[in-house]
Amino acid sequence: KSKKKLRFIIDYKRLNEIIKKNYYLLFFIIKLKEILYRA
């Protein structure tokens, strides 16, 4: 049972990293669109 919980925590951390990377990518795309819109 504890092994499964540990695996879940590891998966959650990995998921968090993916979400963070995607969030930064999304933020960058939005900023880029704003810059292109003004130009």
PDB file of N, CA and C in Angstrom:
ATOM      1  N   LYS A   1       0.836  -1.206   0.000  1.00  0.00           N
ATOM      2  CA  LYS A   1       0.000   0.000   0.000  1.00  0.00           C
ATOM      3  C   LYS A   1       0.879   1.268   0.000  1.00  0.00           C
ATOM      4  N   SER A   2       1.888   1.274   0.835  1.00  0.00           N
ATOM      5  CA  SER A   2       2.772   2.442   0.912  1.00  0.00           C
ATOM      6  C   SER A   2       3.578   2.618  -0.377  1.00  0.00           C
ATOM      7  N   LYS A   3       3.887   1.489  -1.036  1.00  0.00           N
ATOM      8  CA  LYS A   3       4.626   1.544  -2.300  1.00  0.00           C
ATOM      9  C   LYS A   3       3.788   2.241  -3.370  1.00  0.00           C
ATOM     10  N   LYS A   4       2.511   1.922  -3.397  1.00  0.00           N
ATOM     11  CA  LYS A   4       1.597   2.531  -4.360  1.00  0.00           C
ATOM     12  C   LYS A   4       1.476   4.031  -4.089  1.00  0.00           C
ATOM     13  N   LYS A   5       1.418   4.393  -2.829  1.00  0.00           N
ATOM     14  CA  LYS A   5       1.316   5.795  -2.439  1.00  0.00           C
ATOM     15  C   LYS A   5       2.570   6.558  -2.873  1.00  0.00           C
ATOM     16  N   LEU A   6       3.724   5.926  -2.675  1.00  0.00           N
ATOM     17  CA  LEU A   6       4.996   6.531  -3.064  1.00  0.00           C
ATOM     18  C   LEU A   6       5.035   6.766  -4.571  1.00  0.00           C
ATOM     19  N   ARG A   7       4.578   5.776  -5.323  1.00  0.00           N
ATOM     20  CA  ARG A   7       4.542   5.894  -6.777  1.00  0.00           C
ATOM     21  C   ARG A   7       3.611   7.031  -7.193  1.00  0.00           C
ATOM     22  N   PHE A   8       2.508   7.174  -6.493  1.00  0.00           N
ATOM     23  CA  PHE A   8       1.555   8.242  -6.780  1.00  0.00           C
ATOM     24  C   PHE A   8       2.196   9.608  -6.548  1.00  0.00           C
ATOM     25  N   ILE A   9       2.958   9.722  -5.456  1.00  0.00           N
ATOM     26  CA  ILE A   9       3.646  10.980  -5.144  1.00  0.00           C
ATOM     27  C   ILE A   9       4.658  11.317  -6.238  1.00  0.00           C
ATOM     28  N   ILE A  10       5.407  10.316  -6.695  1.00  0.00           N
ATOM     29  CA  ILE A  10       6.389  10.522  -7.769  1.00  0.00           C
ATOM     30  C   ILE A  10       5.682  10.972  -9.050  1.00  0.00           C
ATOM     31  N   ASP A  11       4.583  10.307  -9.385  1.00  0.00           N
ATOM     32  CA  ASP A  11       3.806  10.674 -10.574  1.00  0.00           C
ATOM     33  C   ASP A  11       3.248  12.085 -10.452  1.00  0.00           C
ATOM     34  N   TYR A  12       2.826  12.450  -9.246  1.00  0.00           N
ATOM     35  CA  TYR A  12       2.279  13.783  -9.000  1.00  0.00           C
ATOM     36  C   TYR A  12       3.354  14.849  -9.204  1.00  0.00           C
ATOM     37  N   LYS A  13       4.550  14.564  -8.702  1.00  0.00           N
ATOM     38  CA  LYS A  13       5.672  15.501  -8.879  1.00  0.00           C
ATOM     39  C   LYS A  13       6.007  15.668 -10.350  1.00  0.00           C
ATOM     40  N   ARG A  14       6.027  14.557 -11.075  1.00  0.00           N
ATOM     41  CA  ARG A  14       6.318  14.585 -12.510  1.00  0.00           C
ATOM     42  C   ARG A  14       5.246  15.374 -13.246  1.00  0.00           C
ATOM     43  N   LEU A  15       4.006  15.155 -12.874  1.00  0.00           N
ATOM     44  CA  LEU A  15       2.874  15.860 -13.472  1.00  0.00           C
ATOM     45  C   LEU A  15       2.992  17.356 -13.209  1.00  0.00           C
ATOM     46  N   ASN A  16       3.403  17.706 -11.993  1.00  0.00           N
ATOM     47  CA  ASN A  16       3.594  19.102 -11.618  1.00  0.00           C
ATOM     48  C   ASN A  16       4.643  19.766 -12.492  1.00  0.00           C
ATOM     49  N   GLU A  17       5.732  19.056 -12.757  1.00  0.00           N
ATOM     50  CA  GLU A  17       6.802  19.570 -13.623  1.00  0.00           C
ATOM     51  C   GLU A  17       6.284  19.814 -15.035  1.00  0.00           C
ATOM     52  N   ILE A  18       5.509  18.880 -15.552  1.00  0.00           N
ATOM     53  CA  ILE A  18       4.932  19.006 -16.896  1.00  0.00           C
ATOM     54  C   ILE A  18       3.991  20.207 -16.959  1.00  0.00           C
ATOM     55  N   ILE A  19       3.161  20.366 -15.933  1.00  0.00           N
ATOM     56  CA  ILE A  19       2.217  21.487 -15.877  1.00  0.00           C
ATOM     57  C   ILE A  19       2.980  22.813 -15.839  1.00  0.00           C
ATOM     58  N   LYS A  20       4.035  22.866 -15.036  1.00  0.00           N
ATOM     59  CA  LYS A  20       4.845  24.085 -14.943  1.00  0.00           C
ATOM     60  C   LYS A  20       5.449  24.448 -16.288  1.00  0.00           C
ATOM     61  N   LYS A  21       6.033  23.463 -16.966  1.00  0.00           N
ATOM     62  CA  LYS A  21       6.651  23.693 -18.276  1.00  0.00           C
ATOM     63  C   LYS A  21       5.616  24.175 -19.282  1.00  0.00           C
ATOM     64  N   ASN A  22       4.461  23.532 -19.288  1.00  0.00           N
ATOM     65  CA  ASN A  22       3.399  23.919 -20.213  1.00  0.00           C
ATOM     66  C   ASN A  22       2.855  25.300 -19.890  1.00  0.00           C
ATOM     67  N   TYR A  23       2.805  25.644 -18.600  1.00  0.00           N
ATOM     68  CA  TYR A  23       2.321  26.956 -18.178  1.00  0.00           C
ATOM     69  C   TYR A  23       3.261  28.049 -18.674  1.00  0.00           C
ATOM     70  N   TYR A  24       4.560  27.811 -18.516  1.00  0.00           N
ATOM     71  CA  TYR A  24       5.533  28.793 -18.997  1.00  0.00           C
ATOM     72  C   TYR A  24       5.474  28.940 -20.509  1.00  0.00           C
ATOM     73  N   LEU A  25       5.262  27.822 -21.196  1.00  0.00           N
ATOM     74  CA  LEU A  25       5.156  27.832 -22.650  1.00  0.00           C
ATOM     75  C   LEU A  25       3.927  28.626 -23.078  1.00  0.00           C
ATOM     76  N   LEU A  26       2.817  28.408 -22.402  1.00  0.00           N
ATOM     77  CA  LEU A  26       1.566  29.108 -22.692  1.00  0.00           C
ATOM     78  C   LEU A  26       1.733  30.608 -22.440  1.00  0.00           C
ATOM     79  N   PHE A  27       2.379  30.950 -21.320  1.00  0.00           N
ATOM     80  CA  PHE A  27       2.630  32.340 -20.967  1.00  0.00           C
ATOM     81  C   PHE A  27       3.481  33.017 -22.039  1.00  0.00           C
ATOM     82  N   PHE A  28       4.509  32.307 -22.509  1.00  0.00           N
ATOM     83  CA  PHE A  28       5.402  32.813 -23.548  1.00  0.00           C
ATOM     84  C   PHE A  28       4.645  33.050 -24.845  1.00  0.00           C
ATOM     85  N   ILE A  29       3.770  32.120 -25.225  1.00  0.00           N
ATOM     86  CA  ILE A  29       2.971  32.242 -26.448  1.00  0.00           C
ATOM     87  C   ILE A  29       2.039  33.449 -26.362  1.00  0.00           C
ATOM     88  N   ILE A  30       1.410  33.639 -25.205  1.00  0.00           N
ATOM     89  CA  ILE A  30       0.506  34.781 -25.014  1.00  0.00           C
ATOM     90  C   ILE A  30       1.278  36.094 -25.144  1.00  0.00           C
ATOM     91  N   LYS A  31       2.451  36.172 -24.517  1.00  0.00           N
ATOM     92  CA  LYS A  31       3.275  37.380 -24.601  1.00  0.00           C
ATOM     93  C   LYS A  31       3.714  37.640 -26.038  1.00  0.00           C
ATOM     94  N   LEU A  32       4.086  36.591 -26.736  1.00  0.00           N
ATOM     95  CA  LEU A  32       4.514  36.696 -28.126  1.00  0.00           C
ATOM     96  C   LEU A  32       3.370  37.218 -28.987  1.00  0.00           C
ATOM     97  N   LYS A  33       2.164  36.720 -28.760  1.00  0.00           N
ATOM     98  CA  LYS A  33       0.983  37.177 -29.497  1.00  0.00           C
ATOM     99  C   LYS A  33       0.729  38.656 -29.252  1.00  0.00           C
ATOM    100  N   GLU A  34       0.874  39.089 -28.005  1.00  0.00           N
ATOM    101  CA  GLU A  34       0.685  40.502 -27.662  1.00  0.00           C
ATOM    102  C   GLU A  34       1.686  41.378 -28.401  1.00  0.00           C
ATOM    103  N   ILE A  35       2.941  40.941 -28.436  1.00  0.00           N
ATOM    104  CA  ILE A  35       3.999  41.695 -29.125  1.00  0.00           C
ATOM    105  C   ILE A  35       3.700  41.773 -30.625  1.00  0.00           C
ATOM    106  N   LEU A  36       3.295  40.657 -31.207  1.00  0.00           N
ATOM    107  CA  LEU A  36       2.973  40.630 -32.634  1.00  0.00           C
ATOM    108  C   LEU A  36       1.731  41.469 -32.943  1.00  0.00           C
ATOM    109  N   TYR A  37       0.800  41.498 -32.016  1.00  0.00           N
ATOM    110  CA  TYR A  37      -0.423  42.276 -32.196  1.00  0.00           C
ATOM    111  C   TYR A  37      -0.142  43.772 -32.237  1.00  0.00           C
ATOM    112  N   ARG A  38       0.797  44.211 -31.397  1.00  0.00           N
ATOM    113  CA  ARG A  38       1.135  45.634 -31.327  1.00  0.00           C
ATOM    114  C   ARG A  38       1.943  46.082 -32.528  1.00  0.00           C
ATOM    115  N   ALA A  39       2.762  45.195 -33.058  1.00  0.00           N
ATOM    116  CA  ALA A  39       3.663  45.531 -34.170  1.00  0.00           C
ATOM    117  C   ALA A  39       2.882  45.866 -35.441  1.00  0.00           C
TER     118      ALA A  39
END
